[in-house]
Each structure stands twice: as structure tokens, then as C-alpha cells.
Amino acid sequence: APKQKFLALIYIGRSIAVTAFLLLPQTPASVVIFACVMGVLWLSTVPPTNALVAIMFGTRYLGMLGGIVFLSHQIGSFLGVWLGGYLRDQTGSYDIVWWLGVALGILAAIVHWPIAERPVARDATVPAE
């Protein structure tokens, strides 16, 4: 499957795993299974994301672009943890945080599915005189 479709499937897989964890009876076995599934899915987005960046923008600035992707991921992680704590303080439960994660996974899949796996067209630049 093309990389963007693979990424979308990973995000959907995360949402399915979290939904199953929330709706099925929680037992020690279900917690271990959930941890294993999420462990496989969590960082599995990194290689296809970097590959898409390389295909779309080339490898000349891949280090910098990968750094920007990583930085934005870290900012999102911070905001997610902060918002999770804030919502827990406000509601007394993490339920809304879990369901928000499911919704964001579905949104990520929708956003990634139509990405065109080809170099981004750039206008030719004219050198300065």
C-alpha cells in the first residue's frame, strides 16, 4: 500500500484499539494485549512519515524537515498531556481524553488518506543578480 494509506491504516488501528479497550471488559489480559497492540502501532508512523517527507520534498533538507515534524509531534504531545490533565481536573475522569484520542486518530486517517505520494511541484527560482 502507498505510504499515506499505510499511515491512515495505522491511525485507524490506534482508534480501533483504544475503542476496543474502552468498550470491552478490562482484565489483566486485555491490558497486556492493548499495551502490545499500542506498542506496535505507536512509533510505527515514523518510517512512513519520513519516507513521505523524503518523496515529497527530497532528501536535501530531510534532517531539517524531519526535525520540524518531530518538533510538531512533541508540541502536540505536550498539549495532549496538558489537556488530558486539565480535562481530568475539570471532569474527574479521563473518559473524554480517551474518546478525543479516538476522534483524533480518525481525523488523522482522513487527513492522510488523500495525500499524493509524489514530489511537491516547485516553481523554478531565478538566481539573484
Protein backbone atom coordinates (compact mmCIF):
# COMPACT_ATOMS: atom_id res chain seq x y z
CA ALA A 1 0.00 0.00 0.00
CA PRO A 2 1.19 3.54 -0.61
CA LYS A 3 2.74 5.17 2.43
CA GLN A 4 -0.09 7.62 3.07
CA LYS A 5 -2.63 4.79 3.05
CA PHE A 6 -0.42 2.77 5.40
CA LEU A 7 -0.26 5.78 7.76
CA ALA A 8 -4.03 6.16 7.63
CA LEU A 9 -4.44 2.48 8.50
CA ILE A 10 -2.07 2.85 11.45
CA TYR A 11 -4.13 5.78 12.78
CA ILE A 12 -7.37 3.84 12.29
CA GLY A 13 -5.76 0.85 14.01
CA ARG A 14 -4.94 3.02 17.02
CA SER A 15 -8.51 4.28 17.19
CA ILE A 16 -9.89 0.75 16.94
CA ALA A 17 -7.52 -0.47 19.67
CA VAL A 18 -8.48 2.34 22.05
CA THR A 19 -12.20 1.89 21.32
CA ALA A 20 -11.94 -1.85 21.99
CA PHE A 21 -10.03 -1.19 25.20
CA LEU A 22 -12.70 1.23 26.40
CA LEU A 23 -15.72 -0.89 25.45
CA LEU A 24 -14.54 -4.42 26.25
CA PRO A 25 -14.20 -5.74 29.80
CA GLN A 26 -10.85 -4.73 31.26
CA THR A 27 -8.86 -7.66 32.59
CA PRO A 28 -5.13 -8.14 33.12
CA ALA A 29 -5.02 -9.97 29.76
CA SER A 30 -6.86 -7.19 27.91
CA VAL A 31 -4.48 -4.60 29.37
CA VAL A 32 -1.45 -6.60 28.18
CA ILE A 33 -2.97 -7.10 24.73
CA PHE A 34 -3.80 -3.39 24.50
CA ALA A 35 -0.27 -2.46 25.56
CA CYS A 36 1.24 -4.79 22.95
CA VAL A 37 -1.00 -3.51 20.14
CA MET A 38 -0.37 0.14 21.02
CA GLY A 39 3.34 -0.57 21.38
CA VAL A 40 3.44 -1.86 17.82
CA LEU A 41 1.27 0.95 16.44
CA TRP A 42 2.67 3.91 18.36
CA LEU A 43 6.03 4.63 16.72
CA SER A 44 5.22 2.73 13.55
CA THR A 45 4.23 6.05 11.98
CA VAL A 46 7.81 7.37 11.98
CA PRO A 47 9.28 5.45 8.98
CA PRO A 48 6.37 6.07 6.57
CA THR A 49 6.16 9.71 7.66
CA ASN A 50 9.87 10.25 6.99
CA ALA A 51 9.55 8.40 3.68
CA LEU A 52 6.67 10.64 2.61
CA VAL A 53 8.63 13.76 3.56
CA ALA A 54 11.60 12.48 1.51
CA ILE A 55 9.41 11.68 -1.51
CA MET A 56 7.54 14.97 -1.37
CA PHE A 57 10.39 17.35 -0.55
CA GLY A 58 13.55 15.43 -1.44
CA THR A 59 16.40 14.39 0.80
CA ARG A 60 18.48 17.57 0.70
CA TYR A 61 16.75 19.03 3.75
CA LEU A 62 15.36 15.80 5.18
CA GLY A 63 17.12 16.30 8.51
CA MET A 64 15.60 19.75 8.98
CA LEU A 65 12.15 18.71 7.76
CA GLY A 66 12.24 15.60 9.93
CA GLY A 67 13.16 17.84 12.85
CA ILE A 68 10.17 20.08 12.14
CA VAL A 69 7.90 17.02 12.01
CA PHE A 70 9.39 15.77 15.30
CA LEU A 71 9.06 19.20 16.95
CA SER A 72 5.42 19.49 15.92
CA HIS A 73 4.85 15.98 17.29
CA GLN A 74 6.39 16.99 20.61
CA ILE A 75 4.27 20.14 20.81
CA GLY A 76 1.18 18.02 20.13
CA SER A 77 2.30 15.53 22.79
CA PHE A 78 2.72 18.32 25.33
CA LEU A 79 -0.67 19.79 24.51
CA GLY A 80 -2.30 16.36 24.67
CA VAL A 81 -0.86 15.58 28.09
CA TRP A 82 -1.66 19.04 29.41
CA LEU A 83 -5.22 18.93 28.03
CA GLY A 84 -5.66 15.43 29.45
CA GLY A 85 -4.72 16.64 32.92
CA TYR A 86 -6.87 19.74 32.59
CA LEU A 87 -9.92 17.75 31.46
CA ARG A 88 -9.35 15.21 34.25
CA ASP A 89 -9.29 18.04 36.78
CA GLN A 90 -12.46 19.55 35.31
CA THR A 91 -14.49 16.35 34.87
CA GLY A 92 -12.98 13.90 37.36
CA SER A 93 -12.48 11.35 34.57
CA TYR A 94 -10.15 10.56 31.70
CA ASP A 95 -13.01 9.27 29.53
CA ILE A 96 -13.26 12.39 27.39
CA VAL A 97 -9.49 12.28 26.81
CA TRP A 98 -9.62 8.68 25.57
CA TRP A 99 -12.52 9.44 23.22
CA LEU A 100 -10.81 12.59 22.00
CA GLY A 101 -7.81 10.41 21.13
CA VAL A 102 -10.07 8.08 19.15
CA ALA A 103 -11.54 11.05 17.27
CA LEU A 104 -8.09 12.49 16.54
CA GLY A 105 -6.93 9.11 15.21
CA ILE A 106 -9.88 9.04 12.82
CA LEU A 107 -9.18 12.64 11.80
CA ALA A 108 -5.50 11.77 11.18
CA ALA A 109 -6.56 8.87 8.96
CA ILE A 110 -8.91 11.11 6.98
CA VAL A 111 -6.20 13.75 6.54
CA HIS A 112 -3.51 11.26 5.47
CA TRP A 113 -5.59 9.12 3.07
CA PRO A 114 -5.70 11.63 0.16
CA ILE A 115 -2.04 12.73 0.36
CA ALA A 116 -0.42 12.47 -3.07
CA GLU A 117 2.76 10.40 -2.85
CA ARG A 118 4.77 12.47 -5.31
CA PRO A 119 7.21 15.37 -5.20
CA VAL A 120 5.69 18.75 -4.46
CA ALA A 121 5.79 20.96 -7.55
CA ARG A 122 8.08 23.93 -7.08
CA ASP A 123 8.46 26.99 -9.26
CA ALA A 124 11.91 27.48 -10.72
CA THR A 125 13.76 30.20 -8.88
CA VAL A 126 15.70 32.93 -10.60
CA PRO A 127 19.15 33.49 -9.09
CA ALA A 128 19.77 36.90 -7.54
CA GLU A 129 21.87 39.28 -9.61
